[in-house]
Amino acid sequence: MKIEFEEWCEKNEEELSIMFAETGMDRELDFNVENELERCYQKYLETNEDNLNKLPPEGGQGGHY
């Protein structure tokens, strides 16, 4: 299940701020936080979609090993 952009931003705000600071992205002259948030959200959507495609068929076993 995917979440909307605004909710995703709220849930990940602290982690993303830390990532931007640790990588130095937030100190670059051309850094645009809105663009980076959109890029990260798109990656989340792609990852989420990939994981949904890997779910076992209805009633199948899955997940825990």
PDB file of N, CA and C in Angstrom:
ATOM      1  N   MET A   1       0.832  -1.173   0.000  1.00  0.00           N
ATOM      2  CA  MET A   1       0.000   0.000   0.000  1.00  0.00           C
ATOM      3  C   MET A   1       0.883   1.244   0.000  1.00  0.00           C
ATOM      4  N   LYS A   2       0.652   2.135  -0.912  1.00  0.00           N
ATOM      5  CA  LYS A   2       1.454   3.351  -0.957  1.00  0.00           C
ATOM      6  C   LYS A   2       0.763   4.469  -0.186  1.00  0.00           C
ATOM      7  N   ILE A   3       1.566   5.416   0.274  1.00  0.00           N
ATOM      8  CA  ILE A   3       1.018   6.565   0.973  1.00  0.00           C
ATOM      9  C   ILE A   3       1.219   7.805   0.114  1.00  0.00           C
ATOM     10  N   GLU A   4       0.403   8.806   0.337  1.00  0.00           N
ATOM     11  CA  GLU A   4       0.467  10.047  -0.437  1.00  0.00           C
ATOM     12  C   GLU A   4       1.733  10.824  -0.088  1.00  0.00           C
ATOM     13  N   PHE A   5       2.117  11.707  -1.006  1.00  0.00           N
ATOM     14  CA  PHE A   5       3.360  12.463  -0.889  1.00  0.00           C
ATOM     15  C   PHE A   5       3.467  13.219   0.435  1.00  0.00           C
ATOM     16  N   GLU A   6       2.429  13.953   0.809  1.00  0.00           N
ATOM     17  CA  GLU A   6       2.475  14.770   2.025  1.00  0.00           C
ATOM     18  C   GLU A   6       2.700  13.905   3.270  1.00  0.00           C
ATOM     19  N   GLU A   7       1.979  12.790   3.355  1.00  0.00           N
ATOM     20  CA  GLU A   7       2.134  11.890   4.493  1.00  0.00           C
ATOM     21  C   GLU A   7       3.521  11.264   4.494  1.00  0.00           C
ATOM     22  N   TRP A   8       4.004  10.883   3.321  1.00  0.00           N
ATOM     23  CA  TRP A   8       5.328  10.297   3.198  1.00  0.00           C
ATOM     24  C   TRP A   8       6.392  11.283   3.662  1.00  0.00           C
ATOM     25  N   CYS A   9       6.248  12.552   3.261  1.00  0.00           N
ATOM     26  CA  CYS A   9       7.210  13.578   3.672  1.00  0.00           C
ATOM     27  C   CYS A   9       7.222  13.738   5.186  1.00  0.00           C
ATOM     28  N   GLU A  10       6.046  13.773   5.792  1.00  0.00           N
ATOM     29  CA  GLU A  10       5.958  13.925   7.248  1.00  0.00           C
ATOM     30  C   GLU A  10       6.638  12.766   7.960  1.00  0.00           C
ATOM     31  N   LYS A  11       6.409  11.550   7.479  1.00  0.00           N
ATOM     32  CA  LYS A  11       6.968  10.364   8.130  1.00  0.00           C
ATOM     33  C   LYS A  11       8.479  10.265   7.945  1.00  0.00           C
ATOM     34  N   ASN A  12       9.009  10.833   6.867  1.00  0.00           N
ATOM     35  CA  ASN A  12      10.424  10.670   6.543  1.00  0.00           C
ATOM     36  C   ASN A  12      11.236  11.958   6.653  1.00  0.00           C
ATOM     37  N   GLU A  13      10.624  13.024   7.140  1.00  0.00           N
ATOM     38  CA  GLU A  13      11.279  14.335   7.161  1.00  0.00           C
ATOM     39  C   GLU A  13      12.624  14.308   7.891  1.00  0.00           C
ATOM     40  N   GLU A  14      12.651  13.750   9.089  1.00  0.00           N
ATOM     41  CA  GLU A  14      13.881  13.749   9.874  1.00  0.00           C
ATOM     42  C   GLU A  14      14.970  12.911   9.202  1.00  0.00           C
ATOM     43  N   GLU A  15      14.602  11.727   8.739  1.00  0.00           N
ATOM     44  CA  GLU A  15      15.575  10.848   8.087  1.00  0.00           C
ATOM     45  C   GLU A  15      16.144  11.496   6.822  1.00  0.00           C
ATOM     46  N   LEU A  16      15.287  12.146   6.039  1.00  0.00           N
ATOM     47  CA  LEU A  16      15.742  12.790   4.813  1.00  0.00           C
ATOM     48  C   LEU A  16      16.637  13.985   5.114  1.00  0.00           C
ATOM     49  N   SER A  17      16.291  14.764   6.125  1.00  0.00           N
ATOM     50  CA  SER A  17      17.130  15.911   6.512  1.00  0.00           C
ATOM     51  C   SER A  17      18.521  15.442   6.918  1.00  0.00           C
ATOM     52  N   ILE A  18      18.577  14.347   7.666  1.00  0.00           N
ATOM     53  CA  ILE A  18      19.865  13.780   8.073  1.00  0.00           C
ATOM     54  C   ILE A  18      20.648  13.316   6.856  1.00  0.00           C
ATOM     55  N   MET A  19      19.968  12.622   5.933  1.00  0.00           N
ATOM     56  CA  MET A  19      20.637  12.140   4.724  1.00  0.00           C
ATOM     57  C   MET A  19      21.192  13.303   3.908  1.00  0.00           C
ATOM     58  N   PHE A  20      20.396  14.359   3.738  1.00  0.00           N
ATOM     59  CA  PHE A  20      20.849  15.518   2.963  1.00  0.00           C
ATOM     60  C   PHE A  20      22.070  16.164   3.621  1.00  0.00           C
ATOM     61  N   ALA A  21      22.079  16.227   4.950  1.00  0.00           N
ATOM     62  CA  ALA A  21      23.202  16.825   5.673  1.00  0.00           C
ATOM     63  C   ALA A  21      24.443  15.940   5.620  1.00  0.00           C
ATOM     64  N   GLU A  22      24.264  14.634   5.852  1.00  0.00           N
ATOM     65  CA  GLU A  22      25.411  13.721   5.876  1.00  0.00           C
ATOM     66  C   GLU A  22      26.091  13.607   4.522  1.00  0.00           C
ATOM     67  N   THR A  23      25.325  13.701   3.461  1.00  0.00           N
ATOM     68  CA  THR A  23      25.906  13.592   2.122  1.00  0.00           C
ATOM     69  C   THR A  23      26.411  14.930   1.601  1.00  0.00           C
ATOM     70  N   GLY A  24      26.075  16.016   2.307  1.00  0.00           N
ATOM     71  CA  GLY A  24      26.498  17.344   1.866  1.00  0.00           C
ATOM     72  C   GLY A  24      25.596  17.943   0.803  1.00  0.00           C
ATOM     73  N   MET A  25      24.535  17.237   0.471  1.00  0.00           N
ATOM     74  CA  MET A  25      23.639  17.725  -0.581  1.00  0.00           C
ATOM     75  C   MET A  25      23.049  19.088  -0.219  1.00  0.00           C
ATOM     76  N   ASP A  26      22.725  19.279   1.076  1.00  0.00           N
ATOM     77  CA  ASP A  26      22.065  20.511   1.490  1.00  0.00           C
ATOM     78  C   ASP A  26      22.984  21.731   1.444  1.00  0.00           C
ATOM     79  N   ARG A  27      24.278  21.505   1.227  1.00  0.00           N
ATOM     80  CA  ARG A  27      25.224  22.616   1.137  1.00  0.00           C
ATOM     81  C   ARG A  27      25.586  22.976  -0.304  1.00  0.00           C
ATOM     82  N   GLU A  28      25.082  22.208  -1.255  1.00  0.00           N
ATOM     83  CA  GLU A  28      25.363  22.499  -2.659  1.00  0.00           C
ATOM     84  C   GLU A  28      24.543  23.700  -3.107  1.00  0.00           C
ATOM     85  N   LEU A  29      25.145  24.532  -3.941  1.00  0.00           N
ATOM     86  CA  LEU A  29      24.471  25.750  -4.402  1.00  0.00           C
ATOM     87  C   LEU A  29      23.193  25.458  -5.171  1.00  0.00           C
ATOM     88  N   ASP A  30      23.187  24.386  -5.935  1.00  0.00           N
ATOM     89  CA  ASP A  30      22.020  24.078  -6.765  1.00  0.00           C
ATOM     90  C   ASP A  30      21.047  23.109  -6.085  1.00  0.00           C
ATOM     91  N   PHE A  31      21.211  22.888  -4.767  1.00  0.00           N
ATOM     92  CA  PHE A  31      20.344  21.964  -4.050  1.00  0.00           C
ATOM     93  C   PHE A  31      18.930  22.534  -3.949  1.00  0.00           C
ATOM     94  N   ASN A  32      17.952  21.725  -4.316  1.00  0.00           N
ATOM     95  CA  ASN A  32      16.546  22.114  -4.236  1.00  0.00           C
ATOM     96  C   ASN A  32      15.825  21.019  -3.457  1.00  0.00           C
ATOM     97  N   VAL A  33      15.437  21.348  -2.229  1.00  0.00           N
ATOM     98  CA  VAL A  33      14.849  20.339  -1.345  1.00  0.00           C
ATOM     99  C   VAL A  33      13.572  19.762  -1.944  1.00  0.00           C
ATOM    100  N   GLU A  34      12.762  20.582  -2.600  1.00  0.00           N
ATOM    101  CA  GLU A  34      11.516  20.079  -3.187  1.00  0.00           C
ATOM    102  C   GLU A  34      11.794  19.049  -4.277  1.00  0.00           C
ATOM    103  N   ASN A  35      12.783  19.326  -5.109  1.00  0.00           N
ATOM    104  CA  ASN A  35      13.139  18.374  -6.169  1.00  0.00           C
ATOM    105  C   ASN A  35      13.664  17.061  -5.587  1.00  0.00           C
ATOM    106  N   GLU A  36      14.478  17.162  -4.541  1.00  0.00           N
ATOM    107  CA  GLU A  36      15.017  15.958  -3.923  1.00  0.00           C
ATOM    108  C   GLU A  36      13.929  15.135  -3.246  1.00  0.00           C
ATOM    109  N   LEU A  37      12.972  15.824  -2.595  1.00  0.00           N
ATOM    110  CA  LEU A  37      11.862  15.102  -1.971  1.00  0.00           C
ATOM    111  C   LEU A  37      11.051  14.364  -3.027  1.00  0.00           C
ATOM    112  N   GLU A  38      10.790  15.017  -4.156  1.00  0.00           N
ATOM    113  CA  GLU A  38      10.057  14.376  -5.259  1.00  0.00           C
ATOM    114  C   GLU A  38      10.816  13.155  -5.779  1.00  0.00           C
ATOM    115  N   ARG A  39      12.135  13.305  -5.933  1.00  0.00           N
ATOM    116  CA  ARG A  39      12.960  12.201  -6.435  1.00  0.00           C
ATOM    117  C   ARG A  39      12.922  11.022  -5.464  1.00  0.00           C
ATOM    118  N   CYS A  40      13.055  11.306  -4.173  1.00  0.00           N
ATOM    119  CA  CYS A  40      13.026  10.244  -3.158  1.00  0.00           C
ATOM    120  C   CYS A  40      11.650   9.591  -3.095  1.00  0.00           C
ATOM    121  N   TYR A  41      10.601  10.384  -3.240  1.00  0.00           N
ATOM    122  CA  TYR A  41       9.244   9.839  -3.214  1.00  0.00           C
ATOM    123  C   TYR A  41       9.018   8.932  -4.430  1.00  0.00           C
ATOM    124  N   GLN A  42       9.511   9.333  -5.596  1.00  0.00           N
ATOM    125  CA  GLN A  42       9.373   8.496  -6.786  1.00  0.00           C
ATOM    126  C   GLN A  42      10.104   7.170  -6.592  1.00  0.00           C
ATOM    127  N   LYS A  43      11.280   7.221  -5.952  1.00  0.00           N
ATOM    128  CA  LYS A  43      12.020   5.985  -5.676  1.00  0.00           C
ATOM    129  C   LYS A  43      11.214   5.100  -4.725  1.00  0.00           C
ATOM    130  N   TYR A  44      10.577   5.725  -3.716  1.00  0.00           N
ATOM    131  CA  TYR A  44       9.711   4.978  -2.797  1.00  0.00           C
ATOM    132  C   TYR A  44       8.575   4.303  -3.565  1.00  0.00           C
ATOM    133  N   LEU A  45       7.939   5.047  -4.477  1.00  0.00           N
ATOM    134  CA  LEU A  45       6.830   4.478  -5.250  1.00  0.00           C
ATOM    135  C   LEU A  45       7.290   3.299  -6.098  1.00  0.00           C
ATOM    136  N   GLU A  46       8.441   3.440  -6.737  1.00  0.00           N
ATOM    137  CA  GLU A  46       8.972   2.357  -7.570  1.00  0.00           C
ATOM    138  C   GLU A  46       9.301   1.132  -6.715  1.00  0.00           C
ATOM    139  N   THR A  47       9.917   1.355  -5.572  1.00  0.00           N
ATOM    140  CA  THR A  47      10.267   0.258  -4.674  1.00  0.00           C
ATOM    141  C   THR A  47       9.003  -0.401  -4.144  1.00  0.00           C
ATOM    142  N   ASN A  48       8.030   0.407  -3.763  1.00  0.00           N
ATOM    143  CA  ASN A  48       6.767  -0.107  -3.247  1.00  0.00           C
ATOM    144  C   ASN A  48       6.057  -0.939  -4.309  1.00  0.00           C
ATOM    145  N   GLU A  49       6.066  -0.459  -5.548  1.00  0.00           N
ATOM    146  CA  GLU A  49       5.420  -1.182  -6.650  1.00  0.00           C
ATOM    147  C   GLU A  49       6.131  -2.502  -6.894  1.00  0.00           C
ATOM    148  N   ASP A  50       7.468  -2.494  -6.865  1.00  0.00           N
ATOM    149  CA  ASP A  50       8.235  -3.723  -7.052  1.00  0.00           C
ATOM    150  C   ASP A  50       7.903  -4.737  -5.966  1.00  0.00           C
ATOM    151  N   ASN A  51       7.792  -4.283  -4.715  1.00  0.00           N
ATOM    152  CA  ASN A  51       7.487  -5.185  -3.614  1.00  0.00           C
ATOM    153  C   ASN A  51       6.082  -5.755  -3.743  1.00  0.00           C
ATOM    154  N   LEU A  52       5.132  -4.951  -4.223  1.00  0.00           N
ATOM    155  CA  LEU A  52       3.778  -5.453  -4.407  1.00  0.00           C
ATOM    156  C   LEU A  52       3.745  -6.545  -5.466  1.00  0.00           C
ATOM    157  N   ASN A  53       4.574  -6.401  -6.496  1.00  0.00           N
ATOM    158  CA  ASN A  53       4.625  -7.408  -7.555  1.00  0.00           C
ATOM    159  C   ASN A  53       5.242  -8.714  -7.071  1.00  0.00           C
ATOM    160  N   LYS A  54       5.979  -8.677  -5.953  1.00  0.00           N
ATOM    161  CA  LYS A  54       6.648  -9.867  -5.435  1.00  0.00           C
ATOM    162  C   LYS A  54       5.830 -10.583  -4.358  1.00  0.00           C
ATOM    163  N   LEU A  55       4.662 -10.070  -4.026  1.00  0.00           N
ATOM    164  CA  LEU A  55       3.836 -10.711  -3.005  1.00  0.00           C
ATOM    165  C   LEU A  55       3.411 -12.100  -3.473  1.00  0.00           C
ATOM    166  N   PRO A  56       3.309 -13.043  -2.534  1.00  0.00           N
ATOM    167  CA  PRO A  56       2.868 -14.380  -2.927  1.00  0.00           C
ATOM    168  C   PRO A  56       1.407 -14.340  -3.352  1.00  0.00           C
ATOM    169  N   PRO A  57       0.972 -15.306  -4.140  1.00  0.00           N
ATOM    170  CA  PRO A  57      -0.426 -15.362  -4.544  1.00  0.00           C
ATOM    171  C   PRO A  57      -1.336 -15.450  -3.334  1.00  0.00           C
ATOM    172  N   GLU A  58      -2.573 -15.041  -3.507  1.00  0.00           N
ATOM    173  CA  GLU A  58      -3.547 -15.063  -2.414  1.00  0.00           C
ATOM    174  C   GLU A  58      -3.548 -16.436  -1.756  1.00  0.00           C
ATOM    175  N   GLY A  59      -3.412 -16.454  -0.430  1.00  0.00           N
ATOM    176  CA  GLY A  59      -3.413 -17.708   0.312  1.00  0.00           C
ATOM    177  C   GLY A  59      -2.060 -18.391   0.363  1.00  0.00           C
ATOM    178  N   GLY A  60      -1.068 -17.816  -0.327  1.00  0.00           N
ATOM    179  CA  GLY A  60       0.262 -18.422  -0.341  1.00  0.00           C
ATOM    180  C   GLY A  60       1.048 -18.101   0.897  1.00  0.00           C
ATOM    181  N   GLN A  61       2.110 -18.836   1.098  1.00  0.00           N
ATOM    182  CA  GLN A  61       3.013 -18.589   2.212  1.00  0.00           C
ATOM    183  C   GLN A  61       4.007 -17.537   1.787  1.00  0.00           C
ATOM    184  N   GLY A  62       4.423 -16.728   2.731  1.00  0.00           N
ATOM    185  CA  GLY A  62       5.425 -15.754   2.331  1.00  0.00           C
ATOM    186  C   GLY A  62       6.064 -15.061   3.497  1.00  0.00           C
ATOM    187  N   GLY A  63       7.091 -14.355   3.163  1.00  0.00           N
ATOM    188  CA  GLY A  63       7.661 -13.406   4.073  1.00  0.00           C
ATOM    189  C   GLY A  63       8.707 -13.900   5.047  1.00  0.00           C
ATOM    190  N   HIS A  64       8.332 -14.627   6.048  1.00  0.00           N
ATOM    191  CA  HIS A  64       9.248 -14.900   7.165  1.00  0.00           C
ATOM    192  C   HIS A  64       9.997 -16.203   6.975  1.00  0.00           C
ATOM    193  N   TYR A  65      11.294 -16.128   7.235  1.00  0.00           N
ATOM    194  CA  TYR A  65      12.149 -17.309   7.134  1.00  0.00           C
ATOM    195  C   TYR A  65      12.792 -17.570   8.462  1.00  0.00           C
TER     196      TYR A  65
END
